[in-house]
Protein backbone atom coordinates (compact mmCIF):
# COMPACT_ATOMS: atom_id res chain seq x y z
CA MET A 1 9.51 -23.26 -11.43
CA LYS A 2 7.16 -20.39 -12.22
CA PHE A 3 5.80 -19.31 -8.87
CA PHE A 4 3.79 -16.20 -9.78
CA LYS A 5 1.72 -16.90 -12.87
CA LYS A 6 0.50 -14.50 -15.53
CA ASN A 7 -3.17 -14.54 -14.46
CA THR A 8 -2.21 -13.63 -10.90
CA ASP A 9 0.05 -10.84 -12.12
CA TYR A 10 -2.73 -9.45 -14.32
CA ALA A 11 -5.23 -9.67 -11.44
CA VAL A 12 -2.88 -7.76 -9.12
CA ARG A 13 -2.30 -5.08 -11.76
CA ALA A 14 -6.04 -4.73 -12.49
CA ILE A 15 -6.92 -4.50 -8.80
CA MET A 16 -4.19 -1.94 -8.20
CA TYR A 17 -5.58 0.15 -11.07
CA LEU A 18 -9.08 -0.06 -9.59
CA ALA A 19 -7.73 0.84 -6.15
CA LYS A 20 -6.03 3.94 -7.59
CA ASN A 21 -9.44 4.96 -9.00
CA ARG A 22 -11.35 4.40 -5.75
CA GLY A 23 -15.08 4.06 -6.12
CA LYS A 24 -15.22 4.73 -9.86
CA TYR A 25 -16.49 2.19 -12.34
CA ILE A 26 -13.70 1.50 -14.83
CA SER A 27 -14.18 -0.26 -18.16
CA SER A 28 -12.28 -3.40 -19.01
CA THR A 29 -11.02 -1.58 -22.11
CA GLU A 30 -9.46 1.17 -19.98
CA ILE A 31 -7.77 -1.34 -17.69
CA SER A 32 -6.53 -3.26 -20.73
CA GLU A 33 -5.03 -0.14 -22.29
CA LYS A 34 -3.56 1.41 -19.13
CA GLU A 35 -2.06 -1.84 -17.83
CA ASP A 36 -1.04 -3.19 -21.25
CA ILE A 37 -3.01 -6.41 -20.80
CA SER A 38 -4.91 -8.14 -23.60
CA LEU A 39 -8.61 -7.25 -23.48
CA TYR A 40 -9.45 -10.95 -23.81
CA PHE A 41 -7.34 -11.81 -20.72
CA ILE A 42 -8.53 -8.90 -18.62
CA ARG A 43 -12.19 -9.70 -19.26
CA ARG A 44 -11.66 -13.28 -18.11
CA ILE A 45 -9.79 -12.13 -15.00
CA LEU A 46 -12.41 -9.52 -14.15
CA GLN A 47 -15.15 -12.12 -14.50
CA VAL A 48 -13.40 -14.39 -12.00
CA LEU A 49 -12.83 -11.49 -9.58
CA THR A 50 -16.51 -10.53 -9.88
CA ASN A 51 -17.59 -14.12 -9.18
CA LYS A 52 -15.35 -14.13 -6.08
CA GLY A 53 -16.88 -10.86 -4.82
CA ILE A 54 -13.64 -8.89 -4.98
CA ILE A 55 -15.00 -6.51 -7.58
CA SER A 56 -18.50 -5.54 -8.62
CA SER A 57 -19.67 -4.74 -12.11
CA ARG A 58 -22.27 -2.51 -13.69
CA GLU A 59 -23.38 -2.59 -17.30
CA GLY A 60 -24.12 0.35 -19.54
CA VAL A 61 -22.44 3.51 -20.76
CA SER A 62 -21.26 4.50 -17.29
CA GLY A 63 -20.59 0.90 -16.33
CA GLY A 64 -17.48 -1.08 -15.67
CA VAL A 65 -15.97 -2.62 -12.57
CA LYS A 66 -14.87 -1.32 -9.18
CA LEU A 67 -13.49 -2.83 -6.00
CA SER A 68 -16.01 -4.37 -3.61
CA ILE A 69 -13.37 -4.91 -0.92
CA ASP A 70 -11.00 -2.38 0.59
CA ALA A 71 -7.49 -2.62 -0.89
CA LYS A 72 -6.02 -3.30 2.57
CA ASN A 73 -8.10 -6.51 2.74
CA ILE A 74 -6.88 -7.96 -0.56
CA ASN A 75 -3.59 -9.80 -0.27
CA VAL A 76 -1.49 -11.59 -2.86
CA THR A 77 -2.13 -14.98 -1.25
CA LYS A 78 -5.85 -14.63 -1.85
CA LEU A 79 -5.28 -13.83 -5.53
CA MET A 80 -2.73 -16.62 -5.98
CA LYS A 81 -5.20 -19.14 -4.55
CA ILE A 82 -7.95 -17.89 -6.87
CA PHE A 83 -5.85 -18.02 -10.03
CA GLN A 84 -3.29 -20.72 -9.25
CA GLY A 85 -4.84 -22.94 -6.61
CA LYS A 86 -3.02 -24.07 -3.48
CA ILE A 87 0.40 -22.51 -3.00
CA GLU A 88 3.01 -25.26 -3.07
CA LEU A 89 6.72 -25.12 -3.74
CA SER A 90 6.79 -28.84 -4.39
CA ASP A 91 3.75 -30.92 -5.23
CA CYS A 92 5.52 -34.21 -4.40
CA LYS A 93 3.94 -36.24 -7.15
CA LEU A 94 5.16 -39.00 -9.39
CA LYS A 95 3.27 -38.48 -12.63
CA GLN A 96 -0.25 -37.76 -11.30
CA ASP A 97 -0.14 -39.78 -8.06
CA PRO A 98 1.16 -38.53 -4.70
CA CYS A 99 4.64 -39.76 -3.89
CA PRO A 100 4.43 -42.85 -1.63
CA LYS A 101 7.36 -41.53 0.47
CA ARG A 102 5.82 -38.09 1.02
CA SER A 103 5.02 -38.48 4.73
CA GLN A 104 8.57 -39.67 5.60
CA CYS A 105 10.44 -37.37 3.22
CA VAL A 106 12.94 -35.20 5.10
CA ILE A 107 13.40 -32.75 2.24
CA ARG A 108 9.62 -32.28 1.98
CA LYS A 109 9.49 -31.24 5.64
CA ARG A 110 12.16 -28.60 4.97
CA ILE A 111 10.35 -27.42 1.85
CA LYS A 112 7.07 -27.23 3.78
CA ASN A 113 8.75 -25.00 6.36
CA ILE A 114 9.96 -22.66 3.60
CA GLU A 115 6.53 -22.80 1.96
CA ASP A 116 4.87 -21.67 5.21
CA LYS A 117 7.24 -18.69 5.43
CA VAL A 118 6.58 -17.75 1.80
CA ILE A 119 2.81 -17.88 2.35
CA THR A 120 3.16 -15.70 5.45
CA GLU A 121 5.11 -13.14 3.43
CA PHE A 122 2.52 -13.16 0.61
CA ASN A 123 -0.23 -12.71 3.22
CA ASN A 124 1.50 -9.49 4.27
CA ILE A 125 1.52 -8.09 0.73
CA THR A 126 -1.77 -6.24 0.34
CA VAL A 127 -2.89 -4.15 -2.61
CA GLU A 128 -2.80 -1.13 -0.31
CA ARG A 129 0.86 -1.91 0.56
CA LEU A 130 1.74 -2.30 -3.12
CA LEU A 131 0.21 1.10 -3.90
CA LYS A 132 2.29 2.68 -1.13
CA ASP A 133 5.40 0.95 -2.50
CA LEU A 134 4.58 2.32 -5.95
CA GLU A 135 4.34 5.85 -4.57
CA VAL A 136 7.69 5.51 -2.81
CA ALA A 137 9.28 4.17 -6.01
CA ARG A 138 7.99 7.19 -7.97
CA TRP A 139 9.73 9.60 -5.61
CA ARG A 140 13.12 7.96 -6.06
């Protein structure tokens, strides 16, 4: 099971880079180079983040993208939902149809409990918190 997908990882890294450069418009090329992310991928991710209102963009020589939302208000759950959809540890499907035993499944109830705890933890991971963690890691 791959829980944290590549697009989400790239989005977190791009947003962290923008947060480190508060208020400045940063080009997609710069983010691509500094974060070692394909320019093709980063442009797609930035477009989605712009459409969701998380970043704003400006065209031209001094253009680029910058955060529209404070880093403390952007959590990993929000980004996971944007790039991965609903957070589920088990989708309880047989082929493409929901499992007919889903509502009575005892293991599903346990998994759902774990899922709720995981979501709560991801809600607590903000971009601001990640930047603070990065600073602490640099001093070690």
